[in-house]
Amino acid sequence: MLSEVEWLVKEQDKIGNILKKGNLILTGAYGLPIPINDKKFIEVTSSLFGNVSALFQ
């Protein structure tokens, strides 16, 4: 994975975006995005990763 981060740093440097200490690099998503529309409470259960929930107000 470090070679991919090195590639990212070099590519960003080419366009003038210098990555700095503390920048967050997201390496991907677990699944496809799911629209929440007007739902107020979302709960996700995963046997592999655990549970998470969010309340939108």
N, C-alpha and C. Protein backbone atom coordinates (compact mmCIF):
# COMPACT_ATOMS: atom_id res chain seq x y z
N MET A 1 0.82 -1.19 0.00
CA MET A 1 0.00 0.00 0.00
C MET A 1 0.87 1.26 0.00
N LEU A 2 2.06 1.19 0.54
CA LEU A 2 2.91 2.38 0.58
C LEU A 2 3.27 2.86 -0.81
N SER A 3 3.42 1.95 -1.77
CA SER A 3 3.72 2.38 -3.14
C SER A 3 2.56 3.18 -3.73
N GLU A 4 1.33 2.82 -3.37
CA GLU A 4 0.17 3.57 -3.84
C GLU A 4 0.13 4.97 -3.24
N VAL A 5 0.50 5.09 -1.98
CA VAL A 5 0.54 6.41 -1.35
C VAL A 5 1.63 7.25 -1.99
N GLU A 6 2.77 6.64 -2.27
CA GLU A 6 3.84 7.38 -2.95
C GLU A 6 3.37 7.88 -4.31
N TRP A 7 2.66 7.02 -5.07
CA TRP A 7 2.12 7.43 -6.36
C TRP A 7 1.17 8.61 -6.19
N LEU A 8 0.28 8.53 -5.18
CA LEU A 8 -0.69 9.60 -4.93
C LEU A 8 0.02 10.91 -4.64
N VAL A 9 1.04 10.86 -3.81
CA VAL A 9 1.80 12.08 -3.46
C VAL A 9 2.40 12.70 -4.71
N LYS A 10 3.00 11.88 -5.57
CA LYS A 10 3.63 12.39 -6.80
C LYS A 10 2.60 12.97 -7.76
N GLU A 11 1.47 12.28 -7.91
CA GLU A 11 0.42 12.77 -8.81
C GLU A 11 -0.16 14.09 -8.31
N GLN A 12 -0.39 14.21 -7.02
CA GLN A 12 -0.92 15.44 -6.46
C GLN A 12 0.08 16.59 -6.60
N ASP A 13 1.35 16.27 -6.45
CA ASP A 13 2.40 17.28 -6.61
C ASP A 13 2.40 17.85 -8.03
N LYS A 14 2.13 17.00 -9.01
CA LYS A 14 2.09 17.45 -10.42
C LYS A 14 1.06 18.54 -10.64
N ILE A 15 -0.03 18.51 -9.89
CA ILE A 15 -1.09 19.52 -10.07
C ILE A 15 -1.05 20.60 -8.99
N GLY A 16 0.03 20.60 -8.21
CA GLY A 16 0.21 21.65 -7.22
C GLY A 16 -0.49 21.43 -5.91
N ASN A 17 -0.98 20.24 -5.66
CA ASN A 17 -1.65 19.92 -4.41
C ASN A 17 -0.68 19.12 -3.55
N ILE A 18 -0.04 19.78 -2.62
CA ILE A 18 0.97 19.15 -1.78
C ILE A 18 0.29 18.53 -0.56
N LEU A 19 0.44 17.22 -0.41
CA LEU A 19 -0.11 16.56 0.77
C LEU A 19 0.78 16.86 1.97
N LYS A 20 0.16 17.11 3.10
CA LYS A 20 0.89 17.50 4.31
C LYS A 20 0.57 16.56 5.45
N LYS A 21 1.41 16.59 6.46
CA LYS A 21 1.17 15.81 7.66
C LYS A 21 -0.21 16.15 8.21
N GLY A 22 -0.97 15.13 8.53
CA GLY A 22 -2.31 15.33 9.07
C GLY A 22 -3.41 15.24 8.02
N ASN A 23 -3.05 15.27 6.70
CA ASN A 23 -4.07 15.07 5.66
C ASN A 23 -4.65 13.67 5.76
N LEU A 24 -5.92 13.55 5.46
CA LEU A 24 -6.60 12.27 5.50
C LEU A 24 -6.64 11.68 4.10
N ILE A 25 -6.18 10.45 3.95
CA ILE A 25 -6.22 9.75 2.67
C ILE A 25 -7.21 8.60 2.81
N LEU A 26 -8.29 8.66 2.05
CA LEU A 26 -9.29 7.60 2.07
C LEU A 26 -8.94 6.61 0.95
N THR A 27 -8.80 5.36 1.29
CA THR A 27 -8.34 4.37 0.32
C THR A 27 -9.47 3.64 -0.39
N GLY A 28 -10.68 3.98 -0.11
CA GLY A 28 -11.79 3.33 -0.78
C GLY A 28 -12.97 3.13 0.14
N ALA A 29 -14.00 2.56 -0.40
CA ALA A 29 -15.22 2.35 0.37
C ALA A 29 -15.52 0.86 0.45
N TYR A 30 -16.19 0.46 1.48
CA TYR A 30 -16.55 -0.94 1.68
C TYR A 30 -17.63 -1.39 0.70
N GLY A 31 -18.51 -0.52 0.37
CA GLY A 31 -19.62 -0.88 -0.53
C GLY A 31 -20.09 0.32 -1.31
N LEU A 32 -21.11 0.10 -2.10
CA LEU A 32 -21.67 1.19 -2.91
C LEU A 32 -22.44 2.17 -2.03
N PRO A 33 -22.47 3.46 -2.41
CA PRO A 33 -23.26 4.44 -1.66
C PRO A 33 -24.75 4.11 -1.77
N ILE A 34 -25.46 4.32 -0.68
CA ILE A 34 -26.90 4.07 -0.64
C ILE A 34 -27.59 5.38 -0.28
N PRO A 35 -28.50 5.87 -1.13
CA PRO A 35 -29.18 7.13 -0.81
C PRO A 35 -30.03 6.99 0.45
N ILE A 36 -29.98 8.02 1.31
CA ILE A 36 -30.76 7.96 2.54
C ILE A 36 -32.04 8.78 2.44
N ASN A 37 -32.16 9.59 1.39
CA ASN A 37 -33.35 10.40 1.15
C ASN A 37 -33.78 11.14 2.42
N ASP A 38 -34.99 10.90 2.89
CA ASP A 38 -35.49 11.64 4.06
C ASP A 38 -35.45 10.81 5.34
N LYS A 39 -34.69 9.75 5.36
CA LYS A 39 -34.58 8.94 6.57
C LYS A 39 -33.82 9.71 7.64
N LYS A 40 -34.22 9.55 8.87
CA LYS A 40 -33.58 10.27 9.97
C LYS A 40 -32.56 9.41 10.71
N PHE A 41 -32.77 8.10 10.70
CA PHE A 41 -31.89 7.21 11.45
C PHE A 41 -31.43 6.09 10.53
N ILE A 42 -30.12 5.90 10.48
CA ILE A 42 -29.52 4.85 9.65
C ILE A 42 -28.70 3.95 10.56
N GLU A 43 -28.90 2.66 10.42
CA GLU A 43 -28.12 1.70 11.20
C GLU A 43 -27.56 0.65 10.24
N VAL A 44 -26.26 0.38 10.35
CA VAL A 44 -25.60 -0.61 9.51
C VAL A 44 -25.03 -1.69 10.41
N THR A 45 -25.30 -2.93 10.05
CA THR A 45 -24.80 -4.09 10.80
C THR A 45 -23.91 -4.90 9.87
N SER A 46 -22.69 -5.17 10.31
CA SER A 46 -21.74 -5.96 9.52
C SER A 46 -21.07 -6.98 10.43
N SER A 47 -21.17 -8.24 10.06
CA SER A 47 -20.52 -9.26 10.88
C SER A 47 -19.01 -9.14 10.82
N LEU A 48 -18.49 -8.55 9.76
CA LEU A 48 -17.05 -8.41 9.60
C LEU A 48 -16.51 -7.15 10.30
N PHE A 49 -17.25 -6.03 10.20
CA PHE A 49 -16.73 -4.75 10.69
C PHE A 49 -17.43 -4.22 11.94
N GLY A 50 -18.53 -4.80 12.33
CA GLY A 50 -19.25 -4.31 13.49
C GLY A 50 -20.45 -3.47 13.10
N ASN A 51 -20.99 -2.74 14.05
CA ASN A 51 -22.22 -1.96 13.83
C ASN A 51 -21.92 -0.46 13.95
N VAL A 52 -22.70 0.30 13.22
CA VAL A 52 -22.61 1.76 13.30
C VAL A 52 -24.00 2.33 13.02
N SER A 53 -24.29 3.49 13.63
CA SER A 53 -25.57 4.14 13.37
C SER A 53 -25.35 5.64 13.33
N ALA A 54 -26.29 6.32 12.65
CA ALA A 54 -26.22 7.78 12.55
C ALA A 54 -27.63 8.34 12.65
N LEU A 55 -27.78 9.44 13.37
CA LEU A 55 -29.04 10.15 13.50
C LEU A 55 -28.90 11.51 12.82
N PHE A 56 -29.73 11.77 11.80
CA PHE A 56 -29.70 13.03 11.06
C PHE A 56 -30.82 13.93 11.54
N GLN A 57 -30.48 15.13 11.94
CA GLN A 57 -31.50 16.08 12.45
C GLN A 57 -31.53 17.33 11.62
